[in-house]
Protein backbone atom coordinates (compact mmCIF):
# COMPACT_ATOMS: atom_id res chain seq x y z
CA MET A 1 -171.71 -55.51 67.42
CA LYS A 2 -170.91 -56.64 70.58
CA GLY A 3 -167.83 -59.08 69.58
CA GLY A 4 -166.57 -56.22 67.08
CA ALA A 5 -167.08 -53.27 69.79
CA LEU A 6 -164.35 -55.34 72.34
CA ALA A 7 -162.36 -56.18 69.57
CA SER A 8 -161.97 -52.32 68.52
CA LEU A 9 -161.88 -51.22 72.53
CA ALA A 10 -158.65 -53.91 72.49
CA LEU A 11 -156.84 -52.58 70.19
CA VAL A 12 -157.66 -48.94 71.47
CA VAL A 13 -156.09 -49.70 74.82
CA VAL A 14 -152.85 -51.80 73.26
CA GLY A 15 -152.24 -48.67 71.23
CA ILE A 16 -152.47 -46.33 74.20
CA ALA A 17 -150.29 -48.77 76.56
CA SER A 18 -147.36 -49.76 73.99
CA PRO A 19 -146.12 -46.45 73.91
CA ALA A 20 -145.75 -45.93 77.62
CA PHE A 21 -144.76 -49.91 77.71
CA ALA A 22 -141.22 -48.90 75.64
CA THR A 23 -140.81 -45.89 77.10
CA ALA A 24 -140.89 -48.12 80.45
CA GLN A 25 -138.40 -50.24 79.42
CA SER A 26 -136.34 -48.02 77.68
CA ILE A 27 -136.00 -46.44 81.37
CA GLN A 28 -135.48 -49.25 83.17
CA ALA A 29 -132.87 -50.29 80.58
CA THR A 30 -130.99 -46.73 80.88
CA GLY A 31 -131.06 -47.30 85.09
CA THR A 32 -129.33 -50.58 84.91
CA VAL A 33 -126.38 -49.19 82.68
CA ARG A 34 -123.24 -48.67 85.57
CA SER A 35 -120.70 -46.42 84.47
CA ALA A 36 -117.01 -47.83 83.93
CA SER A 37 -114.68 -46.10 86.08
CA PRO A 38 -112.09 -47.97 87.71
CA THR A 39 -113.36 -48.42 91.29
CA GLY A 40 -117.03 -49.69 90.46
CA GLY A 41 -119.39 -50.01 87.30
CA ASP A 42 -118.00 -52.20 85.31
CA CYS A 43 -115.32 -53.18 87.29
CA GLU A 44 -116.96 -54.98 90.11
CA SER A 45 -119.28 -56.75 87.42
CA LYS A 46 -115.75 -57.53 85.20
CA GLU A 47 -114.51 -58.97 88.68
CA ASP A 48 -117.92 -61.13 89.66
CA SER A 49 -117.54 -62.33 86.34
CA SER A 50 -113.81 -62.90 85.28
CA TRP A 51 -111.42 -61.97 88.11
CA ASN A 52 -109.29 -64.72 89.25
CA PRO A 53 -106.98 -63.67 92.65
CA ARG A 54 -105.03 -66.36 91.42
CA ALA A 55 -103.85 -64.50 88.03
CA VAL A 56 -103.77 -61.03 89.61
CA GLY A 57 -99.92 -61.09 89.16
CA ALA A 58 -100.40 -61.72 84.89
CA GLN A 59 -103.07 -59.38 85.26
CA ALA A 60 -101.25 -56.39 87.29
CA GLY A 61 -99.86 -53.78 84.73
CA PRO A 62 -96.32 -52.71 85.04
CA ARG A 63 -96.47 -51.34 88.24
CA GLY A 64 -99.07 -53.94 90.20
CA GLY A 65 -102.05 -52.10 88.89
CA ASP A 66 -104.78 -52.52 85.84
CA GLU A 67 -107.50 -50.88 84.72
CA CYS A 68 -109.93 -51.78 87.38
CA LYS A 69 -107.34 -52.73 90.40
CA GLY A 70 -105.10 -49.97 91.82
CA GLN A 71 -101.25 -49.84 92.28
CA ARG A 72 -99.81 -52.97 94.37
CA GLY A 73 -99.35 -51.75 97.44
CA PRO A 74 -95.52 -52.45 98.75
CA THR A 75 -94.59 -55.50 100.38
CA GLY A 76 -95.16 -56.01 103.86
CA PRO A 77 -92.62 -56.73 106.64
CA THR A 78 -91.45 -60.61 107.01
CA GLY A 79 -93.86 -62.35 109.54
CA PRO A 80 -92.02 -64.33 112.95
CA ARG A 81 -89.77 -67.21 112.39
CA GLY A 82 -92.36 -70.70 113.49
CA PRO A 83 -91.47 -73.29 115.71
CA GLN A 84 -88.07 -75.02 115.44
CA GLY A 85 -89.29 -78.69 114.18
CA GLU A 86 -89.22 -81.84 115.90
CA PRO A 87 -85.18 -83.19 115.44
CA GLY A 88 -84.91 -85.52 112.79
CA GLU A 89 -83.53 -89.06 113.27
CA ASP A 90 -79.78 -90.10 113.90
CA GLY A 91 -78.49 -90.97 110.62
CA GLN A 92 -76.71 -94.96 109.92
CA ASP A 93 -73.37 -95.05 111.28
CA GLY A 94 -71.13 -95.12 109.12
CA GLN A 95 -68.85 -98.31 107.85
CA ASP A 96 -65.15 -98.83 109.97
CA GLY A 97 -62.15 -97.75 107.94
CA ALA A 98 -59.45 -99.95 106.54
CA THR A 99 -56.88 -101.60 109.40
CA GLY A 100 -53.93 -99.00 108.97
CA ALA A 101 -49.89 -100.52 108.67
CA THR A 102 -48.32 -101.62 111.66
CA GLY A 103 -45.90 -98.65 113.03
CA ALA A 104 -42.17 -99.46 113.27
CA THR A 105 -40.99 -101.51 116.70
CA GLY A 106 -39.64 -99.15 118.70
CA ALA A 107 -35.30 -99.06 120.14
CA THR A 108 -34.95 -101.31 122.65
CA GLY A 109 -34.63 -98.97 125.79
CA ALA A 110 -31.49 -98.86 128.39
CA THR A 111 -31.11 -102.37 131.27
CA GLY A 112 -32.20 -100.12 134.19
CA ALA A 113 -29.89 -100.18 137.42
CA THR A 114 -29.89 -103.36 139.56
CA GLY A 115 -32.52 -102.13 142.56
CA ALA A 116 -31.14 -101.73 146.06
CA GLY A 117 -31.41 -104.89 148.48
CA ALA A 118 -30.92 -107.53 145.68
CA CYS A 119 -30.15 -111.17 147.03
CA VAL A 120 -26.09 -111.79 146.59
CA ASP A 121 -24.11 -113.60 148.37
CA VAL A 122 -20.63 -115.83 147.81
CA ASP A 123 -19.15 -118.29 150.17
CA ALA A 124 -15.28 -120.31 149.88
CA VAL A 125 -14.23 -123.00 151.82
CA ARG A 126 -10.12 -124.58 151.02
CA ASP A 127 -9.01 -127.29 153.72
CA ASN A 128 -5.60 -128.62 151.55
CA ASN A 129 -3.51 -126.35 149.39
CA ASP A 130 -4.58 -128.44 145.91
CA ARG A 131 -8.41 -127.05 145.80
CA GLU A 132 -10.63 -124.30 146.51
CA PHE A 133 -14.59 -124.74 146.45
CA LYS A 134 -17.39 -121.57 146.49
CA ALA A 135 -20.98 -121.36 146.28
CA ALA A 136 -22.23 -117.99 144.34
CA LEU A 137 -25.93 -116.39 144.83
CA THR A 138 -26.35 -113.77 141.88
CA PRO A 139 -28.73 -111.20 141.63
CA ASP A 140 -31.36 -113.40 139.13
CA GLY A 141 -31.21 -115.83 142.34
CA ILE A 142 -29.79 -118.91 140.88
CA THR A 143 -27.28 -120.87 142.94
CA TYR A 144 -23.49 -122.16 141.97
CA ALA A 145 -21.71 -124.48 143.25
CA GLY A 146 -17.41 -124.31 141.72
CA VAL A 147 -14.14 -125.61 142.29
CA ARG A 148 -10.82 -124.72 141.29
CA GLU A 149 -7.23 -126.68 141.12
CA ILE A 150 -4.30 -124.89 142.73
CA GLN A 151 -0.71 -126.07 142.11
CA ASN A 152 1.44 -124.17 144.27
CA THR A 153 1.56 -120.47 142.61
CA THR A 154 -0.21 -122.27 139.57
CA VAL A 155 -4.02 -121.02 139.88
CA GLY A 156 -6.68 -122.72 137.48
CA PRO A 157 -9.93 -120.94 136.24
CA TRP A 158 -13.54 -121.52 138.26
CA THR A 159 -15.74 -124.24 136.79
CA TRP A 160 -19.45 -123.58 137.82
CA TYR A 161 -21.98 -125.79 138.01
CA ASP A 162 -25.61 -124.00 138.13
CA LEU A 163 -27.62 -126.19 140.74
CA THR A 164 -30.93 -124.54 139.46
CA THR A 165 -31.24 -126.44 136.80
CA ASN A 166 -33.14 -129.64 137.69
CA GLU A 167 -37.00 -129.28 137.17
CA ASP A 168 -37.98 -131.80 140.22
CA GLY A 169 -34.73 -130.31 142.28
CA ASP A 170 -37.48 -128.32 144.32
CA TYR A 171 -35.27 -125.20 144.31
CA PRO A 172 -36.31 -122.83 147.01
CA ALA A 173 -37.89 -119.35 145.71
CA GLY A 174 -36.80 -115.90 147.75
CA ALA A 175 -32.97 -118.12 148.40
CA CYS A 176 -30.69 -114.81 149.26
CA GLY A 177 -27.98 -116.20 151.16
CA VAL A 178 -25.64 -119.01 150.26
CA SER A 179 -23.06 -120.97 151.71
CA ILE A 180 -20.75 -123.93 151.52
CA ASP A 181 -18.96 -127.06 153.26
CA HIS A 182 -16.81 -129.39 152.49
CA GLN A 183 -16.10 -132.95 154.11
CA ALA A 184 -14.61 -136.38 152.60
CA ASN A 185 -15.53 -135.36 148.94
CA ARG A 186 -18.66 -133.74 149.34
CA LEU A 187 -20.18 -130.60 149.23
CA ALA A 188 -22.66 -129.49 151.38
CA ILE A 189 -24.42 -125.86 150.07
CA GLU A 190 -26.95 -124.51 151.65
CA VAL A 191 -28.57 -121.30 151.01
CA ILE A 192 -31.57 -119.62 153.48
CA THR A 193 -34.61 -117.59 152.04
CA THR A 194 -36.58 -114.18 152.47
CA GLY A 195 -39.15 -116.35 154.48
CA GLY A 196 -36.11 -117.53 156.85
CA GLU A 197 -36.04 -121.03 155.53
CA ILE A 198 -33.13 -123.19 155.11
CA TRP A 199 -32.33 -124.98 152.22
CA GLU A 200 -29.62 -127.44 150.91
CA THR A 201 -28.19 -129.47 148.22
CA PHE A 202 -25.29 -131.82 147.80
CA CYS A 203 -22.40 -132.29 145.16
CA ASP A 204 -19.42 -135.14 145.00
CA VAL A 205 -16.21 -134.13 144.36
CA ASN A 206 -14.53 -135.76 141.73
CA PRO A 207 -10.92 -135.89 142.29
CA GLY A 208 -8.66 -135.37 138.97
CA THR A 209 -6.62 -133.15 137.07
CA PRO A 210 -8.28 -130.78 137.30
CA ASP A 211 -10.99 -131.90 140.08
CA THR A 212 -15.10 -132.01 138.57
CA LEU A 213 -17.87 -132.10 140.93
CA THR A 214 -21.16 -134.08 140.17
CA CYS A 215 -24.88 -132.22 141.27
CA ASN A 216 -27.83 -133.19 140.84
CA GLY A 217 -29.20 -129.86 142.48
CA VAL A 218 -32.04 -131.50 144.26
CA TRP A 219 -32.80 -129.45 147.71
CA ASN A 220 -34.24 -130.37 150.90
CA GLU A 221 -35.49 -128.12 153.62
CA THR A 222 -33.30 -128.40 156.86
CA VAL A 223 -35.48 -130.35 159.49
CA PRO A 224 -36.56 -128.92 161.50
CA GLN A 225 -36.22 -125.43 160.73
CA PRO A 226 -34.94 -122.43 163.52
CA ASN A 227 -37.84 -120.96 165.68
CA PRO A 228 -37.52 -118.38 167.64
CA GLY A 229 -36.60 -118.93 171.20
CA ASP A 230 -34.81 -122.23 170.09
CA PRO A 231 -32.65 -123.64 171.66
CA PRO A 232 -35.92 -124.78 174.07
CA ALA A 233 -34.98 -123.71 177.48
CA PRO A 234 -34.03 -126.46 179.76
CA LEU A 235 -36.23 -128.28 182.16
CA ARG A 236 -36.05 -127.20 185.86
CA THR A 237 -35.63 -129.52 188.35
CA HIS A 238 -37.82 -129.71 191.79
CA THR A 239 -34.96 -131.34 193.69
CA GLN A 240 -33.45 -129.90 196.70
CA PRO A 241 -29.88 -128.34 195.73
CA ILE A 242 -26.53 -130.39 198.21
CA ARG A 243 -26.25 -128.49 201.01
CA PRO A 244 -22.65 -128.35 202.67
CA MET A 245 -22.80 -131.04 205.33
CA ASP A 246 -22.04 -130.07 208.98
CA PRO A 247 -18.67 -131.70 210.09
CA ASN A 248 -19.58 -132.54 213.33
CA HIS A 249 -22.77 -134.87 211.87
CA LEU A 250 -20.44 -136.39 209.53
CA PRO A 251 -19.31 -140.37 210.36
CA LYS A 252 -16.37 -141.00 212.58
CA THR A 253 -14.53 -142.07 209.29
CA LEU A 254 -14.58 -139.20 207.86
CA LYS A 255 -13.79 -137.01 211.02
């Protein structure tokens, strides 16, 4: 009896509770349904479950919107320019180009005029009527000795001898004046340099028709060289000068 009564009571409770429970579940289910609207409801749950911000461009409609999102707003202004980056490293130097062809040689310029003050000199000697000797110093610094034959009114050509060709002749640098002398078929040619030094050389005269010269071009300094104050002053004597003698003191033989 007790067992059967409890079972019947349980059925009654279950029968009473079942409709109410079903109604409660129906109310609860109705309360959780969201209305479909562009700004909420299903759009929010849809966004939570499947919205991908990277795919917004693909989901957007022709004007940049869709059923859940509004139209895309205008593009914002361009942001400020970022700071300038660090300069890059220098590139490698390029290879040298090929050497160009040599240009044509220019024309030779005109010879300039001889400058003022060039050392030029000449001297001559004629000690008889059949020949003449001459020494010449040209602007290029060369000294020559020359000879020519003279027969009455016939004057022969000059024959010149360069006195600077001997490599061991010690020809003086800076020769600026010249002179010549002749005695006993021997010529003496002298030059003076810009430094005031006197040098001399000799030539032998070979009589003939015409006469010729033999010159070895060996130069030597004159010894001694001239110096300021030459000649030296004569030595003074310390003896008393001779005075006239008083006639009264002369010896009787001289009176």
